[in-house]
Amino acid sequence: GHASLASAFVLDQFYLSNAGEIVFQTYKVGKISVSVNDGLYTLNLPKDEFAKSDEFNVQLAEILGSRPIDVYKGKTDLMAVFENEEQIITLNPDFLTLKEIDIRGLIVTAPGKSSDIVCRFFCPAIGVNEDPVTGSAHTTLVPYWSSKLGKKELLSRQLSERGGELICSDLGDRVEVAGKAVLFMKGEIELK
C-alpha cells in the first residue's frame, strides 16, 4: 500500500501528469492499480482471506491490556475486534511480546463515532511499532465491516498519532482504498 501509493503520487505529480490510472505488477499479489482523481489516490487491492480464530484471544488480551470481542487470522495479520472507539484509542500494547507472535502485524478495530470504523495497526515484527495509515490492513477490515454493517462503502479512520482517513469500497474479491497523498520531501542525490 505505502509504496504503491507513494510511487503513484510521484509518477502522477512529476512524470505522468493526468495519467488517470497507474498499474503496478507486484511479486506477491499480482496487479495493483492506483487511479487518480482530483487529488484522491485509489488503490485497488485483492481482499484478504481471514477466518475467526480463538488461538490468540488470551495472549492478545495480555498484550493489549484489554480483551477483544473476536479475533480473526488472515494471511499475514491478526485482527482484533473491540466494542468501541474509546477502547481502540486507549490501547497500549506490549510491543516486545507482540513481536514474538509469528505475524506481520495486528489490526485492532471497532465501530467509529464520526466514521463507519476506526482502527490501528501494530507491526513491531517489521520494525514499526505502529503504522500511521495502512492500506493493506483494509483488505481485511473492509470485507469484515462491510458484512457486519451491510454497507459496501465505508469511511475508515486510523487512530495512530499521525492518523488518517480512508474511503473504502468492498468490490467482492477486491477492495478499493482511497486517500490523499502529500509531498514530504524533494531532493537530489548525486552518485559518484
Protein backbone atom coordinates (compact mmCIF):
# COMPACT_ATOMS: atom_id res chain seq x y z
CA GLY A 1 0.00 0.00 0.00
CA HIS A 2 2.53 2.64 1.08
CA ALA A 3 4.99 2.02 -1.74
CA SER A 4 2.25 1.78 -4.38
CA LEU A 5 0.58 4.99 -3.24
CA ALA A 6 3.87 6.88 -2.91
CA SER A 7 5.07 5.66 -6.31
CA ALA A 8 1.76 6.60 -7.95
CA PHE A 9 1.91 10.05 -6.32
CA VAL A 10 5.44 10.70 -7.62
CA LEU A 11 4.59 9.39 -11.10
CA ASP A 12 1.39 11.45 -11.20
CA GLN A 13 2.95 14.66 -9.87
CA PHE A 14 6.28 14.62 -11.70
CA TYR A 15 6.26 12.22 -14.66
CA LEU A 16 2.82 11.14 -15.93
CA SER A 17 0.55 14.12 -15.37
CA ASN A 18 -3.12 13.23 -15.76
CA ALA A 19 -2.41 9.52 -16.28
CA GLY A 20 -5.74 8.64 -14.64
CA GLU A 21 -4.57 5.15 -13.66
CA ILE A 22 -1.19 3.65 -12.88
CA VAL A 23 -0.78 -0.14 -12.74
CA PHE A 24 1.98 -1.93 -10.86
CA GLN A 25 2.87 -5.60 -11.28
CA THR A 26 3.89 -7.00 -7.89
CA TYR A 27 5.56 -10.25 -6.96
CA LYS A 28 3.26 -11.18 -4.07
CA VAL A 29 -0.23 -10.04 -5.08
CA GLY A 30 -0.11 -9.50 -8.83
CA LYS A 31 -1.52 -6.30 -10.29
CA ILE A 32 -2.26 -3.31 -8.10
CA SER A 33 -3.78 -0.28 -9.76
CA VAL A 34 -3.92 3.26 -8.46
CA SER A 35 -6.45 5.61 -10.01
CA VAL A 36 -6.02 9.35 -9.62
CA ASN A 37 -8.98 11.71 -9.50
CA ASP A 38 -8.94 15.27 -8.10
CA GLY A 39 -6.07 14.58 -5.68
CA LEU A 40 -7.60 11.34 -4.43
CA TYR A 41 -5.47 8.21 -4.93
CA THR A 42 -7.45 4.96 -5.02
CA LEU A 43 -5.62 1.66 -4.60
CA ASN A 44 -7.29 -1.49 -5.88
CA LEU A 45 -6.08 -4.45 -3.81
CA PRO A 46 -7.01 -8.14 -3.52
CA LYS A 47 -9.05 -8.80 -0.37
CA ASP A 48 -7.52 -10.83 2.43
CA GLU A 49 -8.76 -14.32 3.25
CA PHE A 50 -9.38 -14.47 7.00
CA ALA A 51 -11.19 -16.68 9.50
CA LYS A 52 -12.21 -16.46 13.14
CA SER A 53 -9.54 -17.81 15.48
CA ASP A 54 -9.67 -18.47 19.23
CA GLU A 55 -5.98 -19.37 19.34
CA PHE A 56 -4.75 -15.86 20.27
CA ASN A 57 -7.58 -14.44 22.45
CA VAL A 58 -5.87 -14.78 25.87
CA GLN A 59 -2.45 -13.79 24.54
CA LEU A 60 -3.80 -10.67 22.81
CA ALA A 61 -5.77 -9.64 25.90
CA GLU A 62 -2.48 -9.69 27.85
CA ILE A 63 -0.53 -7.87 25.11
CA LEU A 64 -3.19 -5.19 24.63
CA GLY A 65 -4.40 -4.87 28.23
CA SER A 66 -7.97 -5.34 27.01
CA ARG A 67 -9.85 -8.39 25.77
CA PRO A 68 -11.19 -8.24 22.19
CA ILE A 69 -14.69 -9.48 21.30
CA ASP A 70 -13.32 -11.61 18.46
CA VAL A 71 -10.01 -12.37 16.77
CA TYR A 72 -9.51 -13.21 13.10
CA LYS A 73 -6.43 -14.60 11.38
CA GLY A 74 -5.62 -13.50 7.84
CA LYS A 75 -2.76 -14.42 5.52
CA THR A 76 -0.21 -12.26 7.35
CA ASP A 77 -2.05 -10.38 10.11
CA LEU A 78 -4.35 -10.85 13.06
CA MET A 79 -7.40 -8.63 13.53
CA ALA A 80 -8.84 -7.99 16.99
CA VAL A 81 -12.36 -6.55 17.12
CA PHE A 82 -13.46 -4.34 20.02
CA GLU A 83 -16.77 -2.80 21.07
CA ASN A 84 -16.00 0.91 20.72
CA GLU A 85 -13.66 3.64 19.56
CA GLU A 86 -12.50 4.57 23.08
CA GLN A 87 -11.04 1.08 23.55
CA ILE A 88 -9.01 1.45 20.35
CA ILE A 89 -7.71 4.88 21.37
CA THR A 90 -6.56 3.74 24.82
CA LEU A 91 -4.77 0.52 23.78
CA ASN A 92 -1.12 0.50 24.85
CA PRO A 93 0.38 -2.75 23.51
CA ASP A 94 3.35 -4.64 24.88
CA PHE A 95 5.32 -4.46 21.62
CA LEU A 96 8.09 -6.82 22.72
CA THR A 97 5.61 -9.63 23.42
CA LEU A 98 3.60 -8.84 20.26
CA LYS A 99 6.79 -9.12 18.22
CA GLU A 100 7.15 -12.76 19.34
CA ILE A 101 3.92 -13.84 17.59
CA ASP A 102 4.55 -15.16 14.08
CA ILE A 103 2.55 -12.49 12.21
CA ARG A 104 3.32 -9.37 10.17
CA GLY A 105 1.02 -7.22 12.30
CA LEU A 106 -2.05 -6.78 14.46
CA ILE A 107 -5.07 -4.80 13.30
CA VAL A 108 -7.33 -3.53 16.09
CA THR A 109 -10.74 -2.18 15.13
CA ALA A 110 -14.18 -1.07 16.33
CA PRO A 111 -17.17 0.88 15.06
CA GLY A 112 -16.41 4.60 14.84
CA LYS A 113 -18.22 7.64 16.20
CA SER A 114 -17.67 10.01 13.26
CA SER A 115 -16.72 7.30 10.76
CA ASP A 116 -18.01 3.83 9.98
CA ILE A 117 -14.95 2.17 11.50
CA VAL A 118 -11.76 3.00 13.37
CA CYS A 119 -8.54 1.05 13.51
CA ARG A 120 -4.87 0.98 14.47
CA PHE A 121 -2.13 -1.26 13.10
CA PHE A 122 0.75 -2.56 15.23
CA CYS A 123 3.64 -4.24 13.42
CA PRO A 124 6.81 -4.43 15.56
CA ALA A 125 7.85 -7.62 13.72
CA ILE A 126 8.71 -5.46 10.68
CA GLY A 127 10.36 -2.70 12.72
CA VAL A 128 7.38 -0.32 13.14
CA ASN A 129 5.53 -0.38 16.44
CA GLU A 130 2.52 1.46 14.99
CA ASP A 131 1.94 2.29 11.36
CA PRO A 132 0.29 5.69 10.76
CA VAL A 133 -2.12 4.66 7.95
CA THR A 134 -2.24 1.15 6.50
CA GLY A 135 -3.88 0.41 3.15
CA SER A 136 -3.15 -3.31 3.27
CA ALA A 137 -4.87 -3.71 6.68
CA HIS A 138 -8.06 -2.57 4.98
CA THR A 139 -8.03 -5.67 2.78
CA THR A 140 -9.19 -7.43 5.96
CA LEU A 141 -11.10 -4.57 7.60
CA VAL A 142 -13.31 -3.71 4.62
CA PRO A 143 -14.73 -7.20 3.92
CA TYR A 144 -15.29 -7.78 7.64
CA TRP A 145 -17.06 -4.48 8.35
CA SER A 146 -18.90 -4.42 5.03
CA SER A 147 -20.55 -7.69 6.03
CA LYS A 148 -21.21 -6.58 9.63
CA LEU A 149 -22.61 -3.15 8.72
CA GLY A 150 -24.37 -4.17 5.50
CA LYS A 151 -22.54 -1.44 3.53
CA LYS A 152 -20.22 -1.61 0.52
CA GLU A 153 -18.80 1.91 1.05
CA LEU A 154 -17.05 2.68 4.34
CA LEU A 155 -15.24 5.62 5.88
CA SER A 156 -12.31 4.43 7.99
CA ARG A 157 -10.27 6.48 10.44
CA GLN A 158 -6.89 5.14 11.52
CA LEU A 159 -6.27 6.46 15.03
CA SER A 160 -2.47 6.45 15.14
CA GLU A 161 -0.67 9.58 16.36
CA ARG A 162 -0.48 10.95 12.78
CA GLY A 163 -3.70 9.24 11.70
CA GLY A 164 -5.65 9.43 8.51
CA GLU A 165 -8.96 8.83 6.78
CA LEU A 166 -9.60 6.35 4.02
CA ILE A 167 -12.63 5.97 1.78
CA CYS A 168 -13.08 2.25 1.23
CA SER A 169 -15.15 0.08 -1.11
CA ASP A 170 -15.90 -3.63 -0.94
CA LEU A 171 -15.78 -4.96 -4.52
CA GLY A 172 -16.18 -8.64 -3.65
CA ASP A 173 -12.80 -10.24 -4.30
CA ARG A 174 -11.03 -6.86 -4.27
CA VAL A 175 -11.00 -3.77 -2.06
CA GLU A 176 -10.56 -0.13 -3.00
CA VAL A 177 -8.84 2.15 -0.52
CA ALA A 178 -8.76 5.86 -1.35
CA GLY A 179 -6.94 8.70 0.33
CA LYS A 180 -4.86 11.79 -0.24
CA ALA A 181 -1.10 11.96 -0.54
CA VAL A 182 1.21 14.86 0.25
CA LEU A 183 4.78 15.62 -0.75
CA PHE A 184 7.04 15.22 2.27
CA MET A 185 10.44 15.87 0.77
CA LYS A 186 12.04 16.54 -2.59
CA GLY A 187 15.76 16.41 -3.24
CA GLU A 188 18.58 15.25 -5.42
CA ILE A 189 21.14 12.56 -4.82
CA GLU A 190 24.48 12.60 -6.61
CA LEU A 191 26.13 9.20 -7.01
CA LYS A 192 29.85 9.06 -7.75
